[in-house]
């Protein structure tokens, strides 16, 4: 059975698990803002590679949230037309080619509280045409099917997320819009410990905030994404982390640590998990889900 977990932020969250101990406070950041069980039988390395390639091409709908805080707009209003115009413009690759190439863009018209803005973030290994097709599909579904008339809404697909808003939230960590998709299977005993999983996620986060993005021209900006694998005895642990491109290095670190702690009860005994928010996300599995030949992939 598929389970999705949601949590609202606490002012302080503390974890003490051997070497992993930290405390989080809301004082420094403004607070506003499934995984379907897959049985993978792999008998050869060739089959592994084929399975990775297949998974990497999926672009399935994961989840959405219609947010009531910013209210609704009227059908046929100028607000709705502006939203539709922005989404339609995404169908033309020349309209936002830089955004699709870098995997991130924020389009806005007008001023708060009547501003119309759409932000999208694509998975780094899905930049280019895959990013464009994901954004167009997700944006249309959010506008016309999932959250019609909502000024604020967000949708997650496998390869991208799209957010509507009437406020400028760039650079802020979103603590409110999030969910956890754990594997249906539990870990057996201490086959892969909590510390080993935390260690992989920590190492990937370090790479994400230090590796320079080769697709950003003119400035040296961290890619805020990393994927990789770690051999642990007879098994391998695979992971991925990503932060929204509008976050700073500090913001990315804070976001990752917050959500690792915040949803720990959801995933600490699971063989795999995917935790997603507006600002950052992470995933680990006991099977490969990212092509090892993709960008910013590390074998530890």
Protein backbone atom coordinates (compact mmCIF):
# COMPACT_ATOMS: atom_id res chain seq x y z
CA UNK A 1 0.00 0.00 0.00
CA UNK A 2 1.30 3.44 -0.94
CA UNK A 3 1.72 5.82 1.96
CA UNK A 4 2.37 9.56 1.82
CA UNK A 5 3.44 11.49 4.87
CA UNK A 6 2.95 15.20 5.47
CA UNK A 7 4.29 17.34 8.28
CA UNK A 8 4.00 20.92 9.40
CA UNK A 9 7.12 22.63 10.76
CA UNK A 10 8.11 22.69 14.40
CA UNK A 11 9.95 25.69 15.80
CA UNK A 12 12.70 23.37 16.95
CA UNK A 13 13.55 19.85 15.95
CA UNK A 14 16.35 17.90 17.55
CA UNK A 15 17.90 14.60 16.66
CA UNK A 16 20.60 12.73 18.51
CA UNK A 17 21.71 9.71 16.61
CA UNK A 18 25.35 8.98 17.51
CA UNK A 19 27.40 11.38 15.37
CA UNK A 20 24.41 13.05 13.72
CA UNK A 21 23.20 15.72 16.11
CA UNK A 22 21.82 19.13 15.23
CA UNK A 23 19.14 21.63 16.22
CA UNK A 24 16.98 23.71 13.90
CA UNK A 25 15.29 27.01 14.63
CA UNK A 26 12.92 29.14 12.61
CA UNK A 27 14.58 32.38 13.71
CA UNK A 28 16.93 32.74 10.74
CA UNK A 29 14.53 31.93 7.91
CA UNK A 30 10.99 33.12 7.17
CA UNK A 31 8.58 30.16 7.42
CA UNK A 32 6.02 30.31 4.70
CA UNK A 33 5.96 29.08 2.60
CA UNK A 34 4.59 8.04 -3.95
CA UNK A 35 7.20 6.10 -4.02
CA UNK A 36 5.41 3.09 -5.55
CA UNK A 37 7.10 -0.12 -4.42
CA UNK A 38 9.18 -1.49 -7.26
CA UNK A 39 10.58 -4.99 -7.27
CA UNK A 40 13.80 -4.97 -9.22
CA UNK A 41 15.45 -8.26 -10.04
CA UNK A 42 18.86 -7.73 -11.53
CA UNK A 43 20.93 -10.63 -12.76
CA UNK A 44 23.52 -8.88 -14.91
CA UNK A 45 25.20 -5.50 -15.13
CA UNK A 46 23.63 -4.99 -18.55
CA UNK A 47 20.16 -5.35 -17.09
CA UNK A 48 21.10 -2.84 -14.39
CA UNK A 49 22.04 -0.24 -16.97
CA UNK A 50 18.88 -0.81 -18.95
CA UNK A 51 16.77 -0.50 -15.84
CA UNK A 52 18.45 2.79 -14.91
CA UNK A 53 17.90 4.21 -18.37
CA UNK A 54 14.25 3.23 -18.28
CA UNK A 55 13.63 4.79 -14.88
CA UNK A 56 15.44 7.95 -15.88
CA UNK A 57 13.01 8.49 -18.74
CA UNK A 58 9.88 8.40 -16.63
CA UNK A 59 8.04 11.63 -16.00
CA UNK A 60 5.13 10.58 -13.84
CA UNK A 61 2.93 12.75 -11.66
CA UNK A 62 3.84 12.45 -7.97
CA UNK A 63 1.78 14.87 -5.91
CA UNK A 64 0.24 18.35 -5.79
CA UNK A 65 -0.98 20.88 -3.23
CA UNK A 66 -3.57 23.63 -3.64
CA UNK A 67 -2.70 26.37 -1.13
CA UNK A 68 -5.54 28.46 0.29
CA UNK A 69 -3.45 31.28 1.81
CA UNK A 70 -3.36 33.50 -1.28
CA UNK A 71 -7.00 32.96 -2.21
CA UNK A 72 -8.55 32.28 -5.59
CA UNK A 73 -9.02 34.14 -8.86
CA UNK A 74 -12.20 34.32 -10.91
CA UNK A 75 -12.72 32.15 -14.01
CA UNK A 76 -11.95 34.09 -17.17
CA UNK A 77 -10.13 36.78 -15.21
CA UNK A 78 -6.97 38.57 -16.29
CA UNK A 79 -5.13 36.60 -13.62
CA UNK A 80 -6.13 33.27 -15.18
CA UNK A 81 -5.20 34.50 -18.64
CA UNK A 82 -1.77 35.58 -17.44
CA UNK A 83 -1.14 32.16 -15.92
CA UNK A 84 -2.26 30.43 -19.10
CA UNK A 85 -0.14 32.75 -21.26
CA UNK A 86 2.99 31.93 -19.26
CA UNK A 87 2.38 28.19 -19.52
CA UNK A 88 1.67 28.48 -23.25
CA UNK A 89 4.94 30.36 -23.68
CA UNK A 90 6.81 27.38 -22.25
CA UNK A 91 5.74 25.36 -25.28
CA UNK A 92 8.01 27.56 -27.38
CA UNK A 93 11.56 26.48 -26.60
CA UNK A 94 12.91 29.83 -27.80
CA UNK A 95 10.85 31.72 -25.20
CA UNK A 96 12.75 30.29 -22.22
CA UNK A 97 15.63 28.32 -23.69
CA UNK A 98 18.03 29.45 -20.96
CA UNK A 99 15.65 28.31 -18.23
CA UNK A 100 15.23 24.86 -19.76
CA UNK A 101 18.97 24.57 -20.31
CA UNK A 102 19.75 25.45 -16.68
CA UNK A 103 16.66 23.72 -15.28
CA UNK A 104 15.25 26.68 -13.38
CA UNK A 105 13.20 29.79 -14.09
CA UNK A 106 10.81 32.21 -12.40
CA UNK A 107 8.42 34.19 -14.60
CA UNK A 108 6.42 37.03 -13.00
CA UNK A 109 4.09 39.80 -14.11
CA UNK A 110 2.62 42.63 -12.06
CA UNK A 111 3.11 43.51 -8.40
CA UNK A 112 2.13 41.87 -5.11
CA UNK A 113 -0.52 40.93 -4.09
CA UNK A 114 -1.78 40.70 -7.68
CA UNK A 115 1.48 39.44 -9.11
CA UNK A 116 1.28 36.38 -11.33
CA UNK A 117 4.35 34.17 -11.11
CA UNK A 118 5.32 30.67 -12.15
CA UNK A 119 8.50 29.03 -10.90
CA UNK A 120 9.84 25.73 -12.17
CA UNK A 121 12.75 23.54 -11.17
CA UNK A 122 13.85 20.52 -13.18
CA UNK A 123 16.01 17.66 -12.06
CA UNK A 124 19.54 18.42 -13.23
CA UNK A 125 19.82 15.24 -15.31
CA UNK A 126 16.59 16.26 -17.09
CA UNK A 127 17.71 19.63 -18.43
CA UNK A 128 16.84 20.64 -21.98
CA UNK A 129 13.91 19.13 -23.93
CA UNK A 130 12.91 16.80 -21.06
CA UNK A 131 12.73 19.78 -18.74
CA UNK A 132 10.54 21.68 -21.18
CA UNK A 133 8.09 18.82 -21.74
CA UNK A 134 7.82 18.22 -17.99
CA UNK A 135 7.15 21.89 -17.20
CA UNK A 136 4.50 22.21 -19.92
CA UNK A 137 2.69 19.04 -18.81
CA UNK A 138 2.89 19.84 -15.09
CA UNK A 139 1.89 23.48 -15.52
CA UNK A 140 -1.14 22.64 -17.66
CA UNK A 141 -2.28 19.92 -15.25
CA UNK A 142 -1.91 22.20 -12.24
CA UNK A 143 -3.81 25.06 -13.88
CA UNK A 144 -6.66 23.13 -15.49
CA UNK A 145 -7.05 19.90 -13.48
CA UNK A 146 -5.45 19.82 -10.05
CA UNK A 147 -5.82 23.36 -8.67
CA UNK A 148 -7.98 25.52 -10.96
CA UNK A 149 -8.52 29.09 -9.66
CA UNK A 150 -5.94 28.82 -6.87
CA UNK A 151 -3.41 31.67 -6.87
CA UNK A 152 -0.91 29.50 -5.03
CA UNK A 153 -0.36 25.87 -5.93
CA UNK A 154 2.48 23.43 -6.50
CA UNK A 155 2.85 20.17 -8.40
CA UNK A 156 5.63 17.60 -8.38
CA UNK A 157 6.48 15.38 -11.32
CA UNK A 158 9.33 12.88 -11.45
CA UNK A 159 11.51 15.29 -13.42
CA UNK A 160 10.27 18.72 -12.32
CA UNK A 161 8.13 20.82 -10.04
CA UNK A 162 6.00 23.83 -10.96
CA UNK A 163 4.70 26.45 -8.53
CA UNK A 164 2.12 29.21 -8.97
CA UNK A 165 2.19 32.17 -6.58
CA UNK A 166 1.10 35.79 -6.21
CA UNK A 167 4.11 36.50 -3.96
CA UNK A 168 7.84 36.57 -4.57
CA UNK A 169 9.28 33.71 -2.49
CA UNK A 170 12.65 33.36 -4.21
CA UNK A 171 15.57 32.68 -1.92
CA UNK A 172 13.39 31.56 0.99
CA UNK A 173 13.16 28.03 2.36
CA UNK A 174 9.65 26.65 2.02
CA UNK A 175 8.84 24.70 5.19
CA UNK A 176 5.14 24.16 4.43
CA UNK A 177 4.83 22.37 1.10
CA UNK A 178 6.39 18.92 1.40
CA UNK A 179 5.72 15.20 1.48
CA UNK A 180 7.46 11.87 2.08
CA UNK A 181 7.14 8.76 -0.09
CA UNK A 182 8.68 5.77 1.70
CA UNK A 183 9.29 2.33 0.27
CA UNK A 184 6.77 -0.29 1.31
CA UNK A 185 9.64 -2.56 2.35
CA UNK A 186 11.42 -2.28 5.67
CA UNK A 187 15.13 -2.82 6.15
CA UNK A 188 15.98 -6.17 7.67
CA UNK A 189 17.90 -5.77 10.91
CA UNK A 190 20.82 -3.39 10.55
CA UNK A 191 21.66 -4.37 6.96
CA UNK A 192 22.20 -0.71 6.06
CA UNK A 193 22.39 1.48 9.12
CA UNK A 194 20.91 4.91 9.65
CA UNK A 195 24.43 6.32 9.91
CA UNK A 196 25.42 4.86 6.52
CA UNK A 197 22.41 6.43 4.84
CA UNK A 198 23.00 9.77 6.56
CA UNK A 199 26.65 9.61 5.54
CA UNK A 200 25.75 9.18 1.86
CA UNK A 201 23.22 12.03 1.95
CA UNK A 202 25.72 14.26 3.76
CA UNK A 203 28.47 13.53 1.21
CA UNK A 204 26.10 14.22 -1.68
CA UNK A 205 25.03 17.51 -0.11
CA UNK A 206 28.67 18.56 0.24
CA UNK A 207 29.20 17.90 -3.47
CA UNK A 208 25.97 19.72 -4.38
CA UNK A 209 27.01 22.95 -2.62
CA UNK A 210 30.62 22.94 -3.83
CA UNK A 211 30.50 21.61 -7.42
CA UNK A 212 30.27 24.46 -9.92
CA UNK A 213 27.39 24.33 -12.42
CA UNK A 214 28.81 24.11 -15.92
CA UNK A 215 25.54 25.26 -17.51
CA UNK A 216 25.48 28.67 -15.82
CA UNK A 217 27.34 31.23 -17.90
CA UNK A 218 29.22 34.23 -16.58
CA UNK A 219 29.23 33.32 -12.88
CA UNK A 220 30.49 30.48 -10.74
CA UNK A 221 27.41 29.05 -9.05
CA UNK A 222 27.10 25.73 -7.19
CA UNK A 223 24.98 23.20 -9.03
CA UNK A 224 23.00 22.34 -5.84
CA UNK A 225 22.56 18.77 -7.09
CA UNK A 226 24.43 15.51 -6.71
CA UNK A 227 23.79 11.82 -7.22
CA UNK A 228 25.87 8.77 -6.47
CA UNK A 229 26.30 5.35 -4.97
CA UNK A 230 28.18 3.65 -2.17
CA UNK A 231 29.10 -0.03 -1.97
CA UNK A 232 28.23 -1.49 1.44
CA UNK A 233 29.25 -5.13 1.65
CA UNK A 234 27.17 -7.13 -0.80
CA UNK A 235 24.75 -4.26 -1.40
CA UNK A 236 24.90 -0.79 -2.90
CA UNK A 237 23.14 2.32 -1.66
CA UNK A 238 22.07 4.89 -4.26
CA UNK A 239 21.18 8.49 -3.50
CA UNK A 240 20.36 11.91 -4.92
CA UNK A 241 19.96 15.40 -3.43
CA UNK A 242 18.84 18.66 -5.02
CA UNK A 243 18.06 22.17 -3.84
CA UNK A 244 16.14 24.89 -5.64
CA UNK A 245 18.45 27.06 -7.73
CA UNK A 246 17.29 30.22 -5.96
CA UNK A 247 18.75 29.08 -2.62
CA UNK A 248 22.18 30.03 -1.32
CA UNK A 249 24.71 27.43 -0.20
CA UNK A 250 23.68 28.07 3.40
CA UNK A 251 20.02 27.80 2.46
CA UNK A 252 20.61 24.49 0.68
CA UNK A 253 22.43 23.04 3.69
CA UNK A 254 19.70 24.21 6.07
CA UNK A 255 16.92 22.87 3.86
CA UNK A 256 18.51 19.44 3.45
CA UNK A 257 19.25 19.02 7.14
CA UNK A 258 15.80 20.21 8.14
CA UNK A 259 13.96 17.72 5.94
CA UNK A 260 16.29 14.81 6.75
CA UNK A 261 15.37 15.34 10.40
CA UNK A 262 11.76 16.40 9.88
CA UNK A 263 10.69 13.21 8.09
CA UNK A 264 13.05 10.78 9.79
CA UNK A 265 10.21 8.72 11.25
CA UNK A 266 8.92 8.26 7.71
CA UNK A 267 12.09 6.71 6.31
CA UNK A 268 14.54 5.54 8.98
CA UNK A 269 13.44 1.87 8.78
CA UNK A 270 12.75 1.84 5.03
CA UNK A 271 14.71 0.38 2.13
CA UNK A 272 14.11 3.58 0.18
CA UNK A 273 12.45 6.96 0.33
CA UNK A 274 11.78 10.11 -1.59
CA UNK A 275 11.31 13.35 0.37
CA UNK A 276 10.23 16.38 -1.67
CA UNK A 277 9.54 20.00 -0.86
CA UNK A 278 9.43 23.24 -2.81
CA UNK A 279 13.00 24.10 -1.78
CA UNK A 280 14.91 20.81 -1.69
CA UNK A 281 14.55 17.06 -2.00
CA UNK A 282 16.45 13.85 -1.46
CA UNK A 283 16.12 10.19 -2.30
CA UNK A 284 17.91 6.95 -1.54
CA UNK A 285 17.24 3.39 -2.74
CA UNK A 286 18.83 -0.06 -2.77
CA UNK A 287 18.52 -0.08 -6.57
CA UNK A 288 19.80 2.40 -9.18
CA UNK A 289 17.36 5.12 -10.24
CA UNK A 290 19.75 7.64 -11.81
CA UNK A 291 21.96 6.91 -14.80
CA UNK A 292 25.55 6.66 -13.49
CA UNK A 293 26.71 8.33 -16.70
CA UNK A 294 24.58 11.37 -15.91
CA UNK A 295 25.96 14.71 -14.70
CA UNK A 296 27.43 15.14 -11.21
CA UNK A 297 27.34 11.41 -10.40
CA UNK A 298 29.90 10.03 -7.93
CA UNK A 299 30.87 6.49 -6.94
CA UNK A 300 32.17 6.62 -3.39
